[in-house]
Structures are given as C-alpha cells and as structure tokens.
C-alpha cells in the first residue's frame, strides 16, 4: 500500500489579502496554513472517487468522515488508451479536447461532498502509469504512435517499454499542450452543484501535476516540464498550492533518477510514496505471530 508523507519546500505560496481570513490552504515557514492557523490533516488516496455513482459516493464519504479523514487525493483526469493496455474506464477525455460531462459532474459532486464534511481535496492531473491513460495517452495523441501494451501482470520488459514511451511526454510539445488545455479547462470549470469555479474553490488544497512522474533518462526535460507545468497551474488557479506527485526516493535511484530537492524546487510541498511490499521491504508472510504485546 502507499502512504504519503508531506514536508514543505522553501518556496512560500503567495496569498492575497489578510492571511487570517484566507479560506485557501497556503504553505509558508515549513508548514501549511488555513485561516491563519497551522493546517494538518489525515489523508486518504480516494483516486477513484469521480467514477462512483452518487449513492456510493455519499456512503464512502460518510465512512471516510467517520474515520476522521480530512483530505482526499482524487484523480482529476482519465484519458483513453488503445487496447490491450489495462486502464480505468470510462475516460474523462476519450479523445483530445472531448470531455465526458457525466464524469466531470461526478467530480463536481465529490468536491461538494468533501466541502460539506470539512474535507479538502488534492486533484491529480496526469499519470506516469497507463491505468488512467496519462502520459502515454498524450504521447499517442500527439504522435500517432501506438503505445507499448501494458496488460495486467505485465512483464518487466513491458514495464520498461512503457516507461520509455511515457517519458517522451516531457519533450513532446504537442503532448504537453494537450495536457495544459485540460488543466485550464478543469481550473475554469463551473462546478454544477456549487456554482463556483474550480480555481476559486478552497475545498481544493492543491493540484498535483502527475501521479509518480519519473525522469529516467530524461532528467533535464523532466525538470523543465515540472517548472513549466507548475507555472501553467498557478496561472490557471493562483489561489491553490501545486504539488508534483513524485514517488520521491525509490530502491532504484540510478534508473528512476529522482532527486527530492531538485525535482520539487518549483512546487509548494513534497509528497512521497512508499510501497513496502512492491519494493520487497516487507513480506507479511514472514511476520511472526503476535507475542502478546510484551515486545518479545
């Protein structure tokens, strides 16, 4: 499973007016703030929230609220990807510039439901991995080249091929332009249940540029994209924080080539992902039976 750990970067998020009355979450001095007080939260990765029907969405939000969860990380984009790759369906963006209004209305409901329960939301705008389309879809749309297949149970070779294809996103201007068009559309969207533009909604804590974006061999292009994308998001939604969404350090530093400080220089805070079982740090089958709580 994945958990997030956050820490502020030196950059301070700009806030307009008196910070004591500011309803948006900001970041400065090594922590988050809201309404002039330190803002802390218990978060959950509720990535699939926009895909739920209204009844199930309400039930799950109620359950999360009962568990005292106060922040939700939610997928804000799903792009169509050619078969046979395994990915979430239906797509919010089945073709470039075409958007599924029913799914976007589901995201509207989620934001209103979160607001009504005193929660904030982090919206994820893209994905390194094929399960929501992400980089691979944008590269496919921009170049017309078919992406390598990523089926369930993909081999290591298929993972490698996918990553090589997906990272072309950073250096493909047409792919990035399609992504920025989506970002601007979403930020300017008028929420159908609140009547408020997404860019003006303090329920949104932050916009995350992409889920687990990796530089691999394209380090320079990757960091240039982070800086460019962060600027686009800030222009479209200047009251909100911007996050990267990187895993941070991984067990394969020479291959993945992330750098926690350099990668996050243009964003407002750091969130890292931990995969103890996937990374073979932990095997539940090897855990000894409970010893009765005496530490032995």
C-alpha atoms as a PDB file:
ATOM      1  CA  UNK A   1       0.000   0.000   0.000  1.00  0.00           C
ATOM      2  CA  UNK A   2       1.005   3.599  -0.463  1.00  0.00           C
ATOM      3  CA  UNK A   3       1.163   6.334   2.124  1.00  0.00           C
ATOM      4  CA  UNK A   4       2.104   9.986   1.770  1.00  0.00           C
ATOM      5  CA  UNK A   5       4.474  11.993   3.917  1.00  0.00           C
ATOM      6  CA  UNK A   6       4.499  15.748   3.401  1.00  0.00           C
ATOM      7  CA  UNK A   7       7.095  18.406   4.083  1.00  0.00           C
ATOM      8  CA  UNK A   8       7.328  21.989   2.879  1.00  0.00           C
ATOM      9  CA  UNK A   9       9.851  23.228   0.371  1.00  0.00           C
ATOM     10  CA  UNK A  10      11.456  26.635   0.927  1.00  0.00           C
ATOM     11  CA  UNK A  11       9.106  28.243  -1.586  1.00  0.00           C
ATOM     12  CA  UNK A  12       6.264  30.191   0.042  1.00  0.00           C
ATOM     13  CA  UNK A  13       2.872  30.158  -1.606  1.00  0.00           C
ATOM     14  CA  UNK A  14       1.593  33.650  -2.270  1.00  0.00           C
ATOM     15  CA  UNK A  15      -1.702  34.562  -0.623  1.00  0.00           C
ATOM     16  CA  UNK A  16      -3.851  37.586  -1.270  1.00  0.00           C
ATOM     17  CA  UNK A  17      -5.110  39.830   1.493  1.00  0.00           C
ATOM     18  CA  UNK A  18      -5.167  39.105   5.204  1.00  0.00           C
ATOM     19  CA  UNK A  19      -3.940  35.558   5.813  1.00  0.00           C
ATOM     20  CA  UNK A  20      -6.049  35.324   8.999  1.00  0.00           C
ATOM     21  CA  UNK A  21      -9.226  35.330   6.870  1.00  0.00           C
ATOM     22  CA  UNK A  22      -7.853  33.320   3.969  1.00  0.00           C
ATOM     23  CA  UNK A  23     -10.011  30.212   3.319  1.00  0.00           C
ATOM     24  CA  UNK A  24      -7.451  28.634   0.974  1.00  0.00           C
ATOM     25  CA  UNK A  25      -4.668  26.419   2.269  1.00  0.00           C
ATOM     26  CA  UNK A  26      -1.258  28.054   1.849  1.00  0.00           C
ATOM     27  CA  UNK A  27       2.297  26.985   2.614  1.00  0.00           C
ATOM     28  CA  UNK A  28       4.999  29.037   4.294  1.00  0.00           C
ATOM     29  CA  UNK A  29       7.565  28.721   7.046  1.00  0.00           C
ATOM     30  CA  UNK A  30       7.767  24.947   6.741  1.00  0.00           C
ATOM     31  CA  UNK A  31       4.064  24.154   7.181  1.00  0.00           C
ATOM     32  CA  UNK A  32       0.577  24.553   5.758  1.00  0.00           C
ATOM     33  CA  UNK A  33      -1.837  27.233   6.938  1.00  0.00           C
ATOM     34  CA  UNK A  34      -5.556  27.891   6.744  1.00  0.00           C
ATOM     35  CA  UNK A  35      -7.424  30.838   8.215  1.00  0.00           C
ATOM     36  CA  UNK A  36      -4.257  31.946   9.978  1.00  0.00           C
ATOM     37  CA  UNK A  37      -3.719  28.657  11.795  1.00  0.00           C
ATOM     38  CA  UNK A  38      -1.496  25.637  11.067  1.00  0.00           C
ATOM     39  CA  UNK A  39      -3.346  23.179   8.845  1.00  0.00           C
ATOM     40  CA  UNK A  40      -2.848  19.464   9.428  1.00  0.00           C
ATOM     41  CA  UNK A  41      -4.836  16.564   8.043  1.00  0.00           C
ATOM     42  CA  UNK A  42      -5.370  12.827   7.871  1.00  0.00           C
ATOM     43  CA  UNK A  43      -5.437  11.864   4.203  1.00  0.00           C
ATOM     44  CA  UNK A  44      -6.709   9.011   2.065  1.00  0.00           C
ATOM     45  CA  UNK A  45      -5.944   8.060  -1.534  1.00  0.00           C
ATOM     46  CA  UNK A  46      -9.509   8.185  -2.890  1.00  0.00           C
ATOM     47  CA  UNK A  47      -8.331   8.159  -6.502  1.00  0.00           C
ATOM     48  CA  UNK A  48     -11.472   6.538  -7.955  1.00  0.00           C
ATOM     49  CA  UNK A  49     -13.950   8.967  -6.396  1.00  0.00           C
ATOM     50  CA  UNK A  50     -15.072  10.626  -9.637  1.00  0.00           C
ATOM     51  CA  UNK A  51     -16.117   7.202 -11.034  1.00  0.00           C
ATOM     52  CA  UNK A  52     -18.662   6.494  -8.283  1.00  0.00           C
ATOM     53  CA  UNK A  53     -22.406   6.924  -8.609  1.00  0.00           C
ATOM     54  CA  UNK A  54     -23.978   9.497  -6.292  1.00  0.00           C
ATOM     55  CA  UNK A  55     -25.243   6.980  -3.739  1.00  0.00           C
ATOM     56  CA  UNK A  56     -21.985   5.122  -3.314  1.00  0.00           C
ATOM     57  CA  UNK A  57     -20.020   8.380  -3.273  1.00  0.00           C
ATOM     58  CA  UNK A  58     -22.084   9.651  -0.338  1.00  0.00           C
ATOM     59  CA  UNK A  59     -21.676   6.379   1.564  1.00  0.00           C
ATOM     60  CA  UNK A  60     -17.916   6.322   1.085  1.00  0.00           C
ATOM     61  CA  UNK A  61     -17.529   9.979   2.031  1.00  0.00           C
ATOM     62  CA  UNK A  62     -19.561   9.339   5.181  1.00  0.00           C
ATOM     63  CA  UNK A  63     -17.358   6.390   6.067  1.00  0.00           C
ATOM     64  CA  UNK A  64     -14.180   8.385   5.475  1.00  0.00           C
ATOM     65  CA  UNK A  65     -15.533  11.216   7.616  1.00  0.00           C
ATOM     66  CA  UNK A  66     -16.358   8.722  10.382  1.00  0.00           C
ATOM     67  CA  UNK A  67     -12.712   7.611  10.252  1.00  0.00           C
ATOM     68  CA  UNK A  68     -11.726  11.287  10.682  1.00  0.00           C
ATOM     69  CA  UNK A  69     -10.166  11.545   7.239  1.00  0.00           C
ATOM     70  CA  UNK A  70      -9.952  15.226   6.324  1.00  0.00           C
ATOM     71  CA  UNK A  71      -8.130  15.217   2.977  1.00  0.00           C
ATOM     72  CA  UNK A  72      -8.731  13.185  -0.182  1.00  0.00           C
ATOM     73  CA  UNK A  73      -6.308  12.591  -3.037  1.00  0.00           C
ATOM     74  CA  UNK A  74      -8.521  12.233  -6.117  1.00  0.00           C
ATOM     75  CA  UNK A  75      -7.839  11.502  -9.763  1.00  0.00           C
ATOM     76  CA  UNK A  76      -8.993  14.539 -11.724  1.00  0.00           C
ATOM     77  CA  UNK A  77      -8.302  13.121 -15.194  1.00  0.00           C
ATOM     78  CA  UNK A  78      -8.656   9.834 -17.085  1.00  0.00           C
ATOM     79  CA  UNK A  79      -7.561   9.591 -20.718  1.00  0.00           C
ATOM     80  CA  UNK A  80      -8.497   6.894 -23.202  1.00  0.00           C
ATOM     81  CA  UNK A  81      -5.703   4.495 -24.153  1.00  0.00           C
ATOM     82  CA  UNK A  82      -5.782   1.974 -27.023  1.00  0.00           C
ATOM     83  CA  UNK A  83      -6.195  -1.705 -26.157  1.00  0.00           C
ATOM     84  CA  UNK A  84      -4.834  -4.036 -24.931  1.00  0.00           C
ATOM     85  CA  UNK A  85      -3.440  -1.868 -22.124  1.00  0.00           C
ATOM     86  CA  UNK A  86      -5.345  -2.164 -18.848  1.00  0.00           C
ATOM     87  CA  UNK A  87      -6.774   1.152 -17.694  1.00  0.00           C
ATOM     88  CA  UNK A  88      -9.710   2.725 -15.869  1.00  0.00           C
ATOM     89  CA  UNK A  89     -12.886   3.270 -17.853  1.00  0.00           C
ATOM     90  CA  UNK A  90     -14.832   5.262 -18.861  1.00  0.00           C
ATOM     91  CA  UNK A  91     -12.415   8.052 -19.726  1.00  0.00           C
ATOM     92  CA  UNK A  92     -12.995  11.667 -18.764  1.00  0.00           C
ATOM     93  CA  UNK A  93     -11.170  12.585 -22.002  1.00  0.00           C
ATOM     94  CA  UNK A  94     -11.881   9.889 -24.597  1.00  0.00           C
ATOM     95  CA  UNK A  95     -10.283  11.978 -27.356  1.00  0.00           C
ATOM     96  CA  UNK A  96      -8.224  15.169 -27.277  1.00  0.00           C
ATOM     97  CA  UNK A  97     -10.432  18.071 -26.273  1.00  0.00           C
ATOM     98  CA  UNK A  98     -13.558  15.923 -25.769  1.00  0.00           C
ATOM     99  CA  UNK A  99     -14.760  15.573 -22.181  1.00  0.00           C
ATOM    100  CA  UNK A 100     -17.316  13.290 -20.523  1.00  0.00           C
ATOM    101  CA  UNK A 101     -19.690  15.679 -18.777  1.00  0.00           C
ATOM    102  CA  UNK A 102     -21.229  12.929 -16.622  1.00  0.00           C
ATOM    103  CA  UNK A 103     -17.847  12.074 -15.115  1.00  0.00           C
ATOM    104  CA  UNK A 104     -16.980  15.725 -14.585  1.00  0.00           C
ATOM    105  CA  UNK A 105     -20.325  16.160 -12.833  1.00  0.00           C
ATOM    106  CA  UNK A 106     -19.260  13.288 -10.586  1.00  0.00           C
ATOM    107  CA  UNK A 107     -16.118  15.238  -9.728  1.00  0.00           C
ATOM    108  CA  UNK A 108     -18.321  18.260  -9.013  1.00  0.00           C
ATOM    109  CA  UNK A 109     -20.358  16.176  -6.548  1.00  0.00           C
ATOM    110  CA  UNK A 110     -17.222  14.863  -4.901  1.00  0.00           C
ATOM    111  CA  UNK A 111     -15.913  18.378  -4.262  1.00  0.00           C
ATOM    112  CA  UNK A 112     -19.248  19.461  -2.813  1.00  0.00           C
ATOM    113  CA  UNK A 113     -19.444  16.335  -0.659  1.00  0.00           C
ATOM    114  CA  UNK A 114     -15.928  16.888   0.620  1.00  0.00           C
ATOM    115  CA  UNK A 115     -16.696  20.535   1.392  1.00  0.00           C
ATOM    116  CA  UNK A 116     -19.837  19.601   3.318  1.00  0.00           C
ATOM    117  CA  UNK A 117     -17.756  17.272   5.514  1.00  0.00           C
ATOM    118  CA  UNK A 118     -14.984  19.761   6.173  1.00  0.00           C
ATOM    119  CA  UNK A 119     -12.508  17.960   3.909  1.00  0.00           C
ATOM    120  CA  UNK A 120     -10.020  19.272   1.384  1.00  0.00           C
ATOM    121  CA  UNK A 121      -9.038  17.633  -1.913  1.00  0.00           C
ATOM    122  CA  UNK A 122      -5.834  17.165  -3.906  1.00  0.00           C
ATOM    123  CA  UNK A 123      -6.626  16.789  -7.617  1.00  0.00           C
ATOM    124  CA  UNK A 124      -4.222  14.611  -9.649  1.00  0.00           C
ATOM    125  CA  UNK A 125      -3.948  15.867 -13.231  1.00  0.00           C
ATOM    126  CA  UNK A 126      -1.918  13.203 -15.055  1.00  0.00           C
ATOM    127  CA  UNK A 127      -0.222   9.843 -14.598  1.00  0.00           C
ATOM    128  CA  UNK A 128       3.101   8.171 -15.353  1.00  0.00           C
ATOM    129  CA  UNK A 129       1.262   4.859 -15.455  1.00  0.00           C
ATOM    130  CA  UNK A 130      -1.181   3.591 -18.044  1.00  0.00           C
ATOM    131  CA  UNK A 131      -4.010   2.730 -15.642  1.00  0.00           C
ATOM    132  CA  UNK A 132      -5.589   6.149 -16.186  1.00  0.00           C
ATOM    133  CA  UNK A 133      -4.141   6.840 -19.643  1.00  0.00           C
ATOM    134  CA  UNK A 134      -1.846   9.658 -18.581  1.00  0.00           C
ATOM    135  CA  UNK A 135       1.439  10.445 -20.319  1.00  0.00           C
ATOM    136  CA  UNK A 136       1.074   7.522 -22.724  1.00  0.00           C
ATOM    137  CA  UNK A 137      -2.284   8.808 -23.988  1.00  0.00           C
ATOM    138  CA  UNK A 138      -0.915  12.284 -24.615  1.00  0.00           C
ATOM    139  CA  UNK A 139       2.134  10.934 -26.450  1.00  0.00           C
ATOM    140  CA  UNK A 140      -0.150   8.686 -28.531  1.00  0.00           C
ATOM    141  CA  UNK A 141      -2.457  11.585 -29.421  1.00  0.00           C
ATOM    142  CA  UNK A 142       0.433  13.903 -30.257  1.00  0.00           C
ATOM    143  CA  UNK A 143       2.498  11.478 -32.341  1.00  0.00           C
ATOM    144  CA  UNK A 144       0.015   8.888 -33.619  1.00  0.00           C
ATOM    145  CA  UNK A 145       2.369   6.137 -32.458  1.00  0.00           C
ATOM    146  CA  UNK A 146       0.786   3.231 -30.620  1.00  0.00           C
ATOM    147  CA  UNK A 147       1.927   2.845 -27.003  1.00  0.00           C
ATOM    148  CA  UNK A 148       3.527  -0.400 -25.871  1.00  0.00           C
ATOM    149  CA  UNK A 149       0.945  -2.760 -24.342  1.00  0.00           C
ATOM    150  CA  UNK A 150       0.637  -2.797 -20.559  1.00  0.00           C
ATOM    151  CA  UNK A 151      -1.647  -5.669 -19.620  1.00  0.00           C
ATOM    152  CA  UNK A 152      -2.419  -6.893 -16.140  1.00  0.00           C
ATOM    153  CA  UNK A 153       0.557  -8.858 -14.901  1.00  0.00           C
ATOM    154  CA  UNK A 154       2.896  -7.045 -17.292  1.00  0.00           C
ATOM    155  CA  UNK A 155       6.431  -8.373 -17.587  1.00  0.00           C
ATOM    156  CA  UNK A 156       9.464  -6.356 -16.561  1.00  0.00           C
ATOM    157  CA  UNK A 157      10.229  -5.765 -20.239  1.00  0.00           C
ATOM    158  CA  UNK A 158       6.740  -4.333 -20.752  1.00  0.00           C
ATOM    159  CA  UNK A 159       7.170  -2.020 -17.765  1.00  0.00           C
ATOM    160  CA  UNK A 160      10.476  -0.796 -19.183  1.00  0.00           C
ATOM    161  CA  UNK A 161       8.987  -0.204 -22.629  1.00  0.00           C
ATOM    162  CA  UNK A 162       6.026   1.683 -21.185  1.00  0.00           C
ATOM    163  CA  UNK A 163       8.223   3.990 -19.131  1.00  0.00           C
ATOM    164  CA  UNK A 164      10.465   4.763 -22.094  1.00  0.00           C
ATOM    165  CA  UNK A 165       7.379   5.676 -24.138  1.00  0.00           C
ATOM    166  CA  UNK A 166       5.660   7.661 -21.365  1.00  0.00           C
ATOM    167  CA  UNK A 167       8.691   9.813 -20.591  1.00  0.00           C
ATOM    168  CA  UNK A 168       8.627  11.105 -24.153  1.00  0.00           C
ATOM    169  CA  UNK A 169       5.795  13.304 -22.868  1.00  0.00           C
ATOM    170  CA  UNK A 170       8.294  15.739 -21.323  1.00  0.00           C
ATOM    171  CA  UNK A 171       9.986  16.504 -24.647  1.00  0.00           C
ATOM    172  CA  UNK A 172       6.900  16.401 -26.914  1.00  0.00           C
ATOM    173  CA  UNK A 173       5.442  19.929 -27.105  1.00  0.00           C
ATOM    174  CA  UNK A 174       2.156  18.822 -28.687  1.00  0.00           C
ATOM    175  CA  UNK A 175       1.558  16.299 -25.895  1.00  0.00           C
ATOM    176  CA  UNK A 176       2.224  18.883 -23.215  1.00  0.00           C
ATOM    177  CA  UNK A 177      -0.051  21.388 -24.976  1.00  0.00           C
ATOM    178  CA  UNK A 178      -2.957  18.920 -24.886  1.00  0.00           C
ATOM    179  CA  UNK A 179      -2.355  18.377 -21.176  1.00  0.00           C
ATOM    180  CA  UNK A 180      -2.295  22.109 -20.464  1.00  0.00           C
ATOM    181  CA  UNK A 181      -5.542  22.533 -22.351  1.00  0.00           C
ATOM    182  CA  UNK A 182      -7.126  20.003 -19.997  1.00  0.00           C
ATOM    183  CA  UNK A 183      -5.652  21.710 -16.925  1.00  0.00           C
ATOM    184  CA  UNK A 184      -7.024  25.092 -17.976  1.00  0.00           C
ATOM    185  CA  UNK A 185     -10.429  23.602 -18.784  1.00  0.00           C
ATOM    186  CA  UNK A 186     -10.694  21.977 -15.350  1.00  0.00           C
ATOM    187  CA  UNK A 187      -9.498  25.030 -13.440  1.00  0.00           C
ATOM    188  CA  UNK A 188     -12.051  27.239 -15.212  1.00  0.00           C
ATOM    189  CA  UNK A 189     -14.897  24.704 -14.887  1.00  0.00           C
ATOM    190  CA  UNK A 190     -18.029  25.941 -13.108  1.00  0.00           C
ATOM    191  CA  UNK A 191     -18.990  23.311 -10.536  1.00  0.00           C
ATOM    192  CA  UNK A 192     -22.542  22.200 -11.336  1.00  0.00           C
ATOM    193  CA  UNK A 193     -23.534  21.791  -7.683  1.00  0.00           C
ATOM    194  CA  UNK A 194     -21.726  24.696  -6.015  1.00  0.00           C
ATOM    195  CA  UNK A 195     -21.756  27.254  -8.831  1.00  0.00           C
ATOM    196  CA  UNK A 196     -18.111  28.023  -8.099  1.00  0.00           C
ATOM    197  CA  UNK A 197     -15.176  27.773 -10.483  1.00  0.00           C
ATOM    198  CA  UNK A 198     -12.672  25.105  -9.513  1.00  0.00           C
ATOM    199  CA  UNK A 199      -9.958  27.780  -9.418  1.00  0.00           C
ATOM    200  CA  UNK A 200     -11.989  29.673  -6.801  1.00  0.00           C
ATOM    201  CA  UNK A 201     -12.870  26.701  -4.598  1.00  0.00           C
ATOM    202  CA  UNK A 202     -10.982  26.496  -1.263  1.00  0.00           C
ATOM    203  CA  UNK A 203     -12.047  22.839  -0.986  1.00  0.00           C
ATOM    204  CA  UNK A 204      -9.174  22.151  -3.381  1.00  0.00           C
ATOM    205  CA  UNK A 205      -5.969  22.108  -1.354  1.00  0.00           C
ATOM    206  CA  UNK A 206      -3.652  21.507  -4.295  1.00  0.00           C
ATOM    207  CA  UNK A 207      -3.271  20.419  -7.880  1.00  0.00           C
ATOM    208  CA  UNK A 208      -0.850  17.519  -8.360  1.00  0.00           C
ATOM    209  CA  UNK A 209       0.936  17.642 -11.716  1.00  0.00           C
ATOM    210  CA  UNK A 210       1.020  13.868 -12.209  1.00  0.00           C
ATOM    211  CA  UNK A 211       0.987  10.606 -10.319  1.00  0.00           C
ATOM    212  CA  UNK A 212       4.503   9.221  -9.827  1.00  0.00           C
ATOM    213  CA  UNK A 213       6.173  11.003 -12.716  1.00  0.00           C
ATOM    214  CA  UNK A 214       9.697   9.659 -13.240  1.00  0.00           C
ATOM    215  CA  UNK A 215      12.536  11.291 -15.166  1.00  0.00           C
ATOM    216  CA  UNK A 216      14.527   8.161 -16.064  1.00  0.00           C
ATOM    217  CA  UNK A 217      16.980   9.219 -18.799  1.00  0.00           C
ATOM    218  CA  UNK A 218      15.121  12.494 -19.466  1.00  0.00           C
ATOM    219  CA  UNK A 219      16.161  14.368 -16.321  1.00  0.00           C
ATOM    220  CA  UNK A 220      16.609  17.781 -17.948  1.00  0.00           C
ATOM    221  CA  UNK A 221      13.324  17.590 -19.885  1.00  0.00           C
ATOM    222  CA  UNK A 222      11.525  16.293 -16.801  1.00  0.00           C
ATOM    223  CA  UNK A 223      12.543  19.195 -14.580  1.00  0.00           C
ATOM    224  CA  UNK A 224      11.798  21.694 -17.340  1.00  0.00           C
ATOM    225  CA  UNK A 225       8.300  20.185 -17.584  1.00  0.00           C
ATOM    226  CA  UNK A 226       7.778  20.416 -13.803  1.00  0.00           C
ATOM    227  CA  UNK A 227       8.661  24.110 -13.884  1.00  0.00           C
ATOM    228  CA  UNK A 228       6.511  24.754 -16.948  1.00  0.00           C
ATOM    229  CA  UNK A 229       3.524  22.776 -15.652  1.00  0.00           C
ATOM    230  CA  UNK A 230       3.663  24.400 -12.222  1.00  0.00           C
ATOM    231  CA  UNK A 231       3.569  27.820 -13.899  1.00  0.00           C
ATOM    232  CA  UNK A 232       0.537  26.814 -16.000  1.00  0.00           C
ATOM    233  CA  UNK A 233      -1.357  25.568 -12.939  1.00  0.00           C
ATOM    234  CA  UNK A 234      -0.505  28.692 -10.925  1.00  0.00           C
ATOM    235  CA  UNK A 235      -1.727  30.870 -13.775  1.00  0.00           C
ATOM    236  CA  UNK A 236      -4.978  28.904 -14.033  1.00  0.00           C
ATOM    237  CA  UNK A 237      -5.586  28.529 -10.267  1.00  0.00           C
ATOM    238  CA  UNK A 238      -3.450  31.110  -8.446  1.00  0.00           C
ATOM    239  CA  UNK A 239      -5.057  30.583  -5.026  1.00  0.00           C
ATOM    240  CA  UNK A 240      -4.132  26.904  -4.768  1.00  0.00           C
ATOM    241  CA  UNK A 241      -0.972  25.008  -3.896  1.00  0.00           C
ATOM    242  CA  UNK A 242       0.897  22.986  -6.523  1.00  0.00           C
ATOM    243  CA  UNK A 243       2.391  19.540  -5.866  1.00  0.00           C
ATOM    244  CA  UNK A 244       4.423  17.255  -8.094  1.00  0.00           C
ATOM    245  CA  UNK A 245       3.134  13.792  -7.153  1.00  0.00           C
ATOM    246  CA  UNK A 246       6.519  12.061  -7.463  1.00  0.00           C
ATOM    247  CA  UNK A 247       7.307   8.887  -5.553  1.00  0.00           C
ATOM    248  CA  UNK A 248      10.426  10.571  -4.256  1.00  0.00           C
ATOM    249  CA  UNK A 249      13.338   8.234  -3.454  1.00  0.00           C
ATOM    250  CA  UNK A 250      12.976   4.657  -4.751  1.00  0.00           C
ATOM    251  CA  UNK A 251      15.083   1.492  -4.446  1.00  0.00           C
ATOM    252  CA  UNK A 252      16.393   2.113  -7.987  1.00  0.00           C
ATOM    253  CA  UNK A 253      17.930   5.606  -7.859  1.00  0.00           C
ATOM    254  CA  UNK A 254      20.252   5.069 -10.846  1.00  0.00           C
ATOM    255  CA  UNK A 255      17.316   4.020 -13.021  1.00  0.00           C
ATOM    256  CA  UNK A 256      14.481   6.256 -11.803  1.00  0.00           C
ATOM    257  CA  UNK A 257      16.806   9.250 -11.217  1.00  0.00           C
ATOM    258  CA  UNK A 258      14.557  11.310  -8.953  1.00  0.00           C
ATOM    259  CA  UNK A 259      16.147  13.983  -6.791  1.00  0.00           C
ATOM    260  CA  UNK A 260      13.900  15.095  -3.950  1.00  0.00           C
ATOM    261  CA  UNK A 261      15.228  18.640  -3.655  1.00  0.00           C
ATOM    262  CA  UNK A 262      15.833  19.444  -7.320  1.00  0.00           C
ATOM    263  CA  UNK A 263      12.585  17.881  -8.545  1.00  0.00           C
ATOM    264  CA  UNK A 264      10.466  19.867  -6.079  1.00  0.00           C
ATOM    265  CA  UNK A 265      12.137  23.254  -6.467  1.00  0.00           C
ATOM    266  CA  UNK A 266       9.190  24.693  -8.433  1.00  0.00           C
ATOM    267  CA  UNK A 267       6.316  23.341  -6.288  1.00  0.00           C
ATOM    268  CA  UNK A 268       4.928  24.085  -2.850  1.00  0.00           C
ATOM    269  CA  UNK A 269       5.356  20.873  -0.878  1.00  0.00           C
ATOM    270  CA  UNK A 270       6.716  17.341  -1.072  1.00  0.00           C
ATOM    271  CA  UNK A 271       4.681  14.123  -1.014  1.00  0.00           C
ATOM    272  CA  UNK A 272       6.474  10.772  -1.252  1.00  0.00           C
ATOM    273  CA  UNK A 273       5.013   7.347  -1.964  1.00  0.00           C
ATOM    274  CA  UNK A 274       6.014   4.210  -0.104  1.00  0.00           C
ATOM    275  CA  UNK A 275       5.496   0.716  -1.498  1.00  0.00           C
ATOM    276  CA  UNK A 276       6.957  -1.621   1.177  1.00  0.00           C
ATOM    277  CA  UNK A 277       5.677  -4.849  -0.399  1.00  0.00           C
ATOM    278  CA  UNK A 278       6.201  -3.873  -4.030  1.00  0.00           C
ATOM    279  CA  UNK A 279       9.747  -2.790  -3.211  1.00  0.00           C
ATOM    280  CA  UNK A 280      10.360  -6.030  -1.271  1.00  0.00           C
ATOM    281  CA  UNK A 281      10.997  -4.213   2.007  1.00  0.00           C
ATOM    282  CA  UNK A 282       8.259  -6.155   3.761  1.00  0.00           C
ATOM    283  CA  UNK A 283       6.678  -9.558   3.346  1.00  0.00           C
ATOM    284  CA  UNK A 284       3.624 -10.161   5.577  1.00  0.00           C
ATOM    285  CA  UNK A 285       4.182 -13.900   5.270  1.00  0.00           C
ATOM    286  CA  UNK A 286       7.422 -13.513   7.233  1.00  0.00           C
ATOM    287  CA  UNK A 287       5.936 -11.591  10.170  1.00  0.00           C
ATOM    288  CA  UNK A 288       5.979 -13.759  13.335  1.00  0.00           C
ATOM    289  CA  UNK A 289       2.758 -14.283  15.280  1.00  0.00           C
ATOM    290  CA  UNK A 290       1.923 -11.673  17.891  1.00  0.00           C
ATOM    291  CA  UNK A 291       3.781 -12.330  21.101  1.00  0.00           C
ATOM    292  CA  UNK A 292       1.147 -10.966  23.440  1.00  0.00           C
ATOM    293  CA  UNK A 293       2.338  -7.353  23.298  1.00  0.00           C
ATOM    294  CA  UNK A 294       5.405  -7.743  25.501  1.00  0.00           C
ATOM    295  CA  UNK A 295       7.782  -6.829  22.689  1.00  0.00           C
ATOM    296  CA  UNK A 296       9.378 -10.303  22.682  1.00  0.00           C
END
